[in-house]
Amino acid sequence: MTDNASQQIHATCINLEGFGILLRGPSGSGKSDLALRMMHYNSQLIADDWVDLTREKGVLIARAPDRLRGLLEVRGVGIIEVPHGISIRVQGMIDLVNSNKIQRLPDHQVEILLGVEIPSYQLDPWGISAIAKIQLVRGLLSGAIIRNDD
């Protein structure tokens, strides 16, 4: 795939200490709520609900669509303006699913978006350890945490 290819996906993107993480799931799956909680733990919103992706110099870059930049939907409160970043390199994807659909010991998963391969994980966004698990994913992405699949 060539650089400058683009697509829009139904997801939310956060910047967690320099690592772009996509939170993907259908409406009502908890993307915005989880992003809101992550904003209290060193995360910055990039895009909520819809993410514009482009391939630039072989890497995947996420941005908010212009009309949604800096906006976060807080269910029961409304759409609010929040501090936000402009763009980030996407380095991981988390699919939000019910806990009973998550394998205990999953094989390494990848997602290919615009020809770029990124590690993919599944997470129950409503689980009490959801934020800690996202921080573990960030550690895996950085190499600070090593998976032992023996």
C-alpha atoms as a PDB file:
ATOM      1  CA  MET A   1       0.000   0.000   0.000  1.00  0.00           C
ATOM      2  CA  THR A   2       1.253   3.476  -0.789  1.00  0.00           C
ATOM      3  CA  ASP A   3       1.824   6.300   1.653  1.00  0.00           C
ATOM      4  CA  ASN A   4      -0.881   8.961   2.022  1.00  0.00           C
ATOM      5  CA  ALA A   5      -3.610   6.291   1.863  1.00  0.00           C
ATOM      6  CA  SER A   6      -6.402   7.083   4.311  1.00  0.00           C
ATOM      7  CA  GLN A   7      -9.536   5.700   5.925  1.00  0.00           C
ATOM      8  CA  GLN A   8     -11.906   6.583   8.734  1.00  0.00           C
ATOM      9  CA  ILE A   9     -12.766   4.019  11.410  1.00  0.00           C
ATOM     10  CA  HIS A  10     -15.279   3.862  14.242  1.00  0.00           C
ATOM     11  CA  ALA A  11     -12.912   4.042  17.197  1.00  0.00           C
ATOM     12  CA  THR A  12     -11.440   6.343  19.817  1.00  0.00           C
ATOM     13  CA  CYS A  13      -7.727   7.146  19.947  1.00  0.00           C
ATOM     14  CA  ILE A  14      -5.672   8.074  22.974  1.00  0.00           C
ATOM     15  CA  ASN A  15      -2.071   9.121  23.444  1.00  0.00           C
ATOM     16  CA  LEU A  16      -0.710   7.112  26.356  1.00  0.00           C
ATOM     17  CA  GLU A  17       2.755   8.456  27.149  1.00  0.00           C
ATOM     18  CA  GLY A  18       3.623   8.826  23.465  1.00  0.00           C
ATOM     19  CA  PHE A  19       1.960   5.629  22.277  1.00  0.00           C
ATOM     20  CA  GLY A  20      -1.141   5.873  20.110  1.00  0.00           C
ATOM     21  CA  ILE A  21      -3.766   3.328  21.143  1.00  0.00           C
ATOM     22  CA  LEU A  22      -6.996   2.762  19.220  1.00  0.00           C
ATOM     23  CA  LEU A  23     -10.035   1.702  21.251  1.00  0.00           C
ATOM     24  CA  ARG A  24     -12.412   0.025  18.831  1.00  0.00           C
ATOM     25  CA  GLY A  25     -15.971  -1.125  19.379  1.00  0.00           C
ATOM     26  CA  PRO A  26     -19.566  -0.497  18.363  1.00  0.00           C
ATOM     27  CA  SER A  27     -21.667   2.351  19.738  1.00  0.00           C
ATOM     28  CA  GLY A  28     -22.210   1.941  23.467  1.00  0.00           C
ATOM     29  CA  SER A  29     -19.209  -0.371  23.918  1.00  0.00           C
ATOM     30  CA  GLY A  30     -17.401   2.048  26.247  1.00  0.00           C
ATOM     31  CA  LYS A  31     -14.834   3.750  23.990  1.00  0.00           C
ATOM     32  CA  SER A  32     -15.495   7.284  25.209  1.00  0.00           C
ATOM     33  CA  ASP A  33     -15.950   6.259  28.833  1.00  0.00           C
ATOM     34  CA  LEU A  34     -12.655   4.373  28.850  1.00  0.00           C
ATOM     35  CA  ALA A  35     -10.879   7.305  27.162  1.00  0.00           C
ATOM     36  CA  LEU A  36     -12.293   9.632  29.842  1.00  0.00           C
ATOM     37  CA  ARG A  37     -10.946   7.382  32.590  1.00  0.00           C
ATOM     38  CA  MET A  38      -7.574   7.100  30.821  1.00  0.00           C
ATOM     39  CA  MET A  39      -7.311  10.898  30.662  1.00  0.00           C
ATOM     40  CA  HIS A  40      -6.826  10.791  34.440  1.00  0.00           C
ATOM     41  CA  TYR A  41      -3.822   8.466  33.990  1.00  0.00           C
ATOM     42  CA  ASN A  42      -1.367  10.271  31.704  1.00  0.00           C
ATOM     43  CA  SER A  43      -3.458   9.914  28.529  1.00  0.00           C
ATOM     44  CA  GLN A  44      -4.521  12.571  26.084  1.00  0.00           C
ATOM     45  CA  LEU A  45      -7.471  12.348  23.731  1.00  0.00           C
ATOM     46  CA  ILE A  46      -6.646  12.345  20.034  1.00  0.00           C
ATOM     47  CA  ALA A  47     -10.080  11.461  18.616  1.00  0.00           C
ATOM     48  CA  ASP A  48     -13.392  10.242  19.988  1.00  0.00           C
ATOM     49  CA  ASP A  49     -15.841   7.984  18.163  1.00  0.00           C
ATOM     50  CA  TRP A  50     -14.360   8.441  14.677  1.00  0.00           C
ATOM     51  CA  VAL A  51     -10.666   8.413  13.803  1.00  0.00           C
ATOM     52  CA  ASP A  52      -9.056   9.488  10.547  1.00  0.00           C
ATOM     53  CA  LEU A  53      -6.117   7.224   9.749  1.00  0.00           C
ATOM     54  CA  THR A  54      -3.392   7.900   7.208  1.00  0.00           C
ATOM     55  CA  ARG A  55      -0.331   5.972   6.226  1.00  0.00           C
ATOM     56  CA  GLU A  56       2.683   8.286   6.291  1.00  0.00           C
ATOM     57  CA  LYS A  57       6.246   7.055   5.676  1.00  0.00           C
ATOM     58  CA  GLY A  58       5.097   3.500   6.413  1.00  0.00           C
ATOM     59  CA  VAL A  59       3.497   4.253   9.782  1.00  0.00           C
ATOM     60  CA  LEU A  60      -0.137   4.684  10.776  1.00  0.00           C
ATOM     61  CA  ILE A  61      -1.120   8.180  11.963  1.00  0.00           C
ATOM     62  CA  ALA A  62      -4.391   8.967  13.781  1.00  0.00           C
ATOM     63  CA  ARG A  63      -6.193  12.314  13.823  1.00  0.00           C
ATOM     64  CA  ALA A  64      -9.682  13.497  14.726  1.00  0.00           C
ATOM     65  CA  PRO A  65     -12.026  14.512  11.930  1.00  0.00           C
ATOM     66  CA  ASP A  66     -12.148  18.335  11.901  1.00  0.00           C
ATOM     67  CA  ARG A  67     -15.728  18.530  13.183  1.00  0.00           C
ATOM     68  CA  LEU A  68     -14.929  16.291  16.194  1.00  0.00           C
ATOM     69  CA  ARG A  69     -11.508  17.642  17.206  1.00  0.00           C
ATOM     70  CA  GLY A  70     -11.295  18.191  20.959  1.00  0.00           C
ATOM     71  CA  LEU A  71     -14.773  16.809  21.643  1.00  0.00           C
ATOM     72  CA  LEU A  72     -15.625  13.875  23.898  1.00  0.00           C
ATOM     73  CA  GLU A  73     -19.068  12.351  24.308  1.00  0.00           C
ATOM     74  CA  VAL A  74     -19.800  11.778  27.977  1.00  0.00           C
ATOM     75  CA  ARG A  75     -22.941   9.676  28.192  1.00  0.00           C
ATOM     76  CA  GLY A  76     -25.441  11.276  30.532  1.00  0.00           C
ATOM     77  CA  VAL A  77     -23.597  14.615  30.470  1.00  0.00           C
ATOM     78  CA  GLY A  78     -23.257  15.552  26.800  1.00  0.00           C
ATOM     79  CA  ILE A  79     -20.515  16.458  24.372  1.00  0.00           C
ATOM     80  CA  ILE A  80     -17.747  18.378  26.101  1.00  0.00           C
ATOM     81  CA  GLU A  81     -14.545  20.102  25.005  1.00  0.00           C
ATOM     82  CA  VAL A  82     -11.392  18.514  26.418  1.00  0.00           C
ATOM     83  CA  PRO A  83      -7.648  19.045  26.069  1.00  0.00           C
ATOM     84  CA  HIS A  84      -6.473  17.014  23.090  1.00  0.00           C
ATOM     85  CA  GLY A  85      -3.587  16.174  20.838  1.00  0.00           C
ATOM     86  CA  ILE A  86      -3.584  16.729  17.091  1.00  0.00           C
ATOM     87  CA  SER A  87      -2.090  13.440  15.860  1.00  0.00           C
ATOM     88  CA  ILE A  88      -0.197  10.364  17.004  1.00  0.00           C
ATOM     89  CA  ARG A  89       1.452   7.297  15.541  1.00  0.00           C
ATOM     90  CA  VAL A  90      -0.820   4.302  16.158  1.00  0.00           C
ATOM     91  CA  GLN A  91       1.081   1.476  17.810  1.00  0.00           C
ATOM     92  CA  GLY A  92      -1.699  -0.705  19.199  1.00  0.00           C
ATOM     93  CA  MET A  93      -5.376  -1.595  18.898  1.00  0.00           C
ATOM     94  CA  ILE A  94      -7.713  -2.695  21.670  1.00  0.00           C
ATOM     95  CA  ASP A  95     -11.058  -4.208  20.723  1.00  0.00           C
ATOM     96  CA  LEU A  96     -13.651  -3.641  23.428  1.00  0.00           C
ATOM     97  CA  VAL A  97     -15.639  -6.818  24.087  1.00  0.00           C
ATOM     98  CA  ASN A  98     -17.566  -8.549  26.858  1.00  0.00           C
ATOM     99  CA  SER A  99     -15.316 -10.388  29.310  1.00  0.00           C
ATOM    100  CA  ASN A 100     -16.852 -13.780  28.449  1.00  0.00           C
ATOM    101  CA  LYS A 101     -15.539 -13.432  24.864  1.00  0.00           C
ATOM    102  CA  ILE A 102     -11.907 -12.889  25.885  1.00  0.00           C
ATOM    103  CA  GLN A 103      -9.483 -15.816  25.778  1.00  0.00           C
ATOM    104  CA  ARG A 104      -7.478 -16.320  28.958  1.00  0.00           C
ATOM    105  CA  LEU A 105      -4.215 -16.886  27.090  1.00  0.00           C
ATOM    106  CA  PRO A 106      -4.644 -15.509  23.586  1.00  0.00           C
ATOM    107  CA  ASP A 107      -2.174 -15.972  20.788  1.00  0.00           C
ATOM    108  CA  HIS A 108      -0.378 -12.844  19.616  1.00  0.00           C
ATOM    109  CA  GLN A 109      -2.872 -10.942  17.433  1.00  0.00           C
ATOM    110  CA  VAL A 110      -2.259  -8.268  14.827  1.00  0.00           C
ATOM    111  CA  GLU A 111      -4.513  -5.950  12.868  1.00  0.00           C
ATOM    112  CA  ILE A 112      -3.583  -4.622   9.452  1.00  0.00           C
ATOM    113  CA  LEU A 113      -4.815  -1.102   8.738  1.00  0.00           C
ATOM    114  CA  LEU A 114      -3.767   0.626   5.508  1.00  0.00           C
ATOM    115  CA  GLY A 115      -1.121  -2.052   5.090  1.00  0.00           C
ATOM    116  CA  VAL A 116       0.441  -1.356   8.514  1.00  0.00           C
ATOM    117  CA  GLU A 117       0.551  -4.222  10.999  1.00  0.00           C
ATOM    118  CA  ILE A 118      -0.196  -3.280  14.608  1.00  0.00           C
ATOM    119  CA  PRO A 119      -0.547  -5.467  17.711  1.00  0.00           C
ATOM    120  CA  SER A 120      -4.159  -6.120  18.694  1.00  0.00           C
ATOM    121  CA  TYR A 121      -5.687  -7.013  22.049  1.00  0.00           C
ATOM    122  CA  GLN A 122      -9.148  -7.579  23.523  1.00  0.00           C
ATOM    123  CA  LEU A 123     -10.360  -5.931  26.700  1.00  0.00           C
ATOM    124  CA  ASP A 124     -13.537  -5.597  28.730  1.00  0.00           C
ATOM    125  CA  PRO A 125     -13.775  -1.796  29.109  1.00  0.00           C
ATOM    126  CA  TRP A 126     -15.979  -2.105  32.194  1.00  0.00           C
ATOM    127  CA  GLY A 127     -13.607  -4.395  34.097  1.00  0.00           C
ATOM    128  CA  ILE A 128     -12.080  -2.877  37.213  1.00  0.00           C
ATOM    129  CA  SER A 129      -8.587  -3.587  35.846  1.00  0.00           C
ATOM    130  CA  ALA A 130      -9.219  -2.081  32.373  1.00  0.00           C
ATOM    131  CA  ILE A 131      -6.910   0.905  32.910  1.00  0.00           C
ATOM    132  CA  ALA A 132      -4.153  -1.245  34.407  1.00  0.00           C
ATOM    133  CA  LYS A 133      -4.417  -3.615  31.431  1.00  0.00           C
ATOM    134  CA  ILE A 134      -4.093  -0.739  28.959  1.00  0.00           C
ATOM    135  CA  GLN A 135      -0.980   0.387  30.823  1.00  0.00           C
ATOM    136  CA  LEU A 136       0.365  -3.179  30.517  1.00  0.00           C
ATOM    137  CA  VAL A 137      -0.325  -3.079  26.772  1.00  0.00           C
ATOM    138  CA  ARG A 138       1.676   0.145  26.586  1.00  0.00           C
ATOM    139  CA  GLY A 139       4.516  -1.650  28.387  1.00  0.00           C
ATOM    140  CA  LEU A 140       4.352  -4.492  25.868  1.00  0.00           C
ATOM    141  CA  LEU A 141       4.409  -2.025  22.977  1.00  0.00           C
ATOM    142  CA  SER A 142       7.464  -0.252  24.384  1.00  0.00           C
ATOM    143  CA  GLY A 143       9.318  -3.465  25.204  1.00  0.00           C
ATOM    144  CA  ALA A 144       9.398  -2.610  28.925  1.00  0.00           C
ATOM    145  CA  ILE A 145       7.225  -5.684  29.593  1.00  0.00           C
ATOM    146  CA  ILE A 146       7.949  -9.019  27.931  1.00  0.00           C
ATOM    147  CA  ARG A 147       5.275 -11.631  27.207  1.00  0.00           C
ATOM    148  CA  ASN A 148       6.223 -15.108  28.384  1.00  0.00           C
ATOM    149  CA  ASP A 149       4.181 -17.555  26.326  1.00  0.00           C
ATOM    150  CA  ASP A 150       5.993 -20.711  27.442  1.00  0.00           C
END
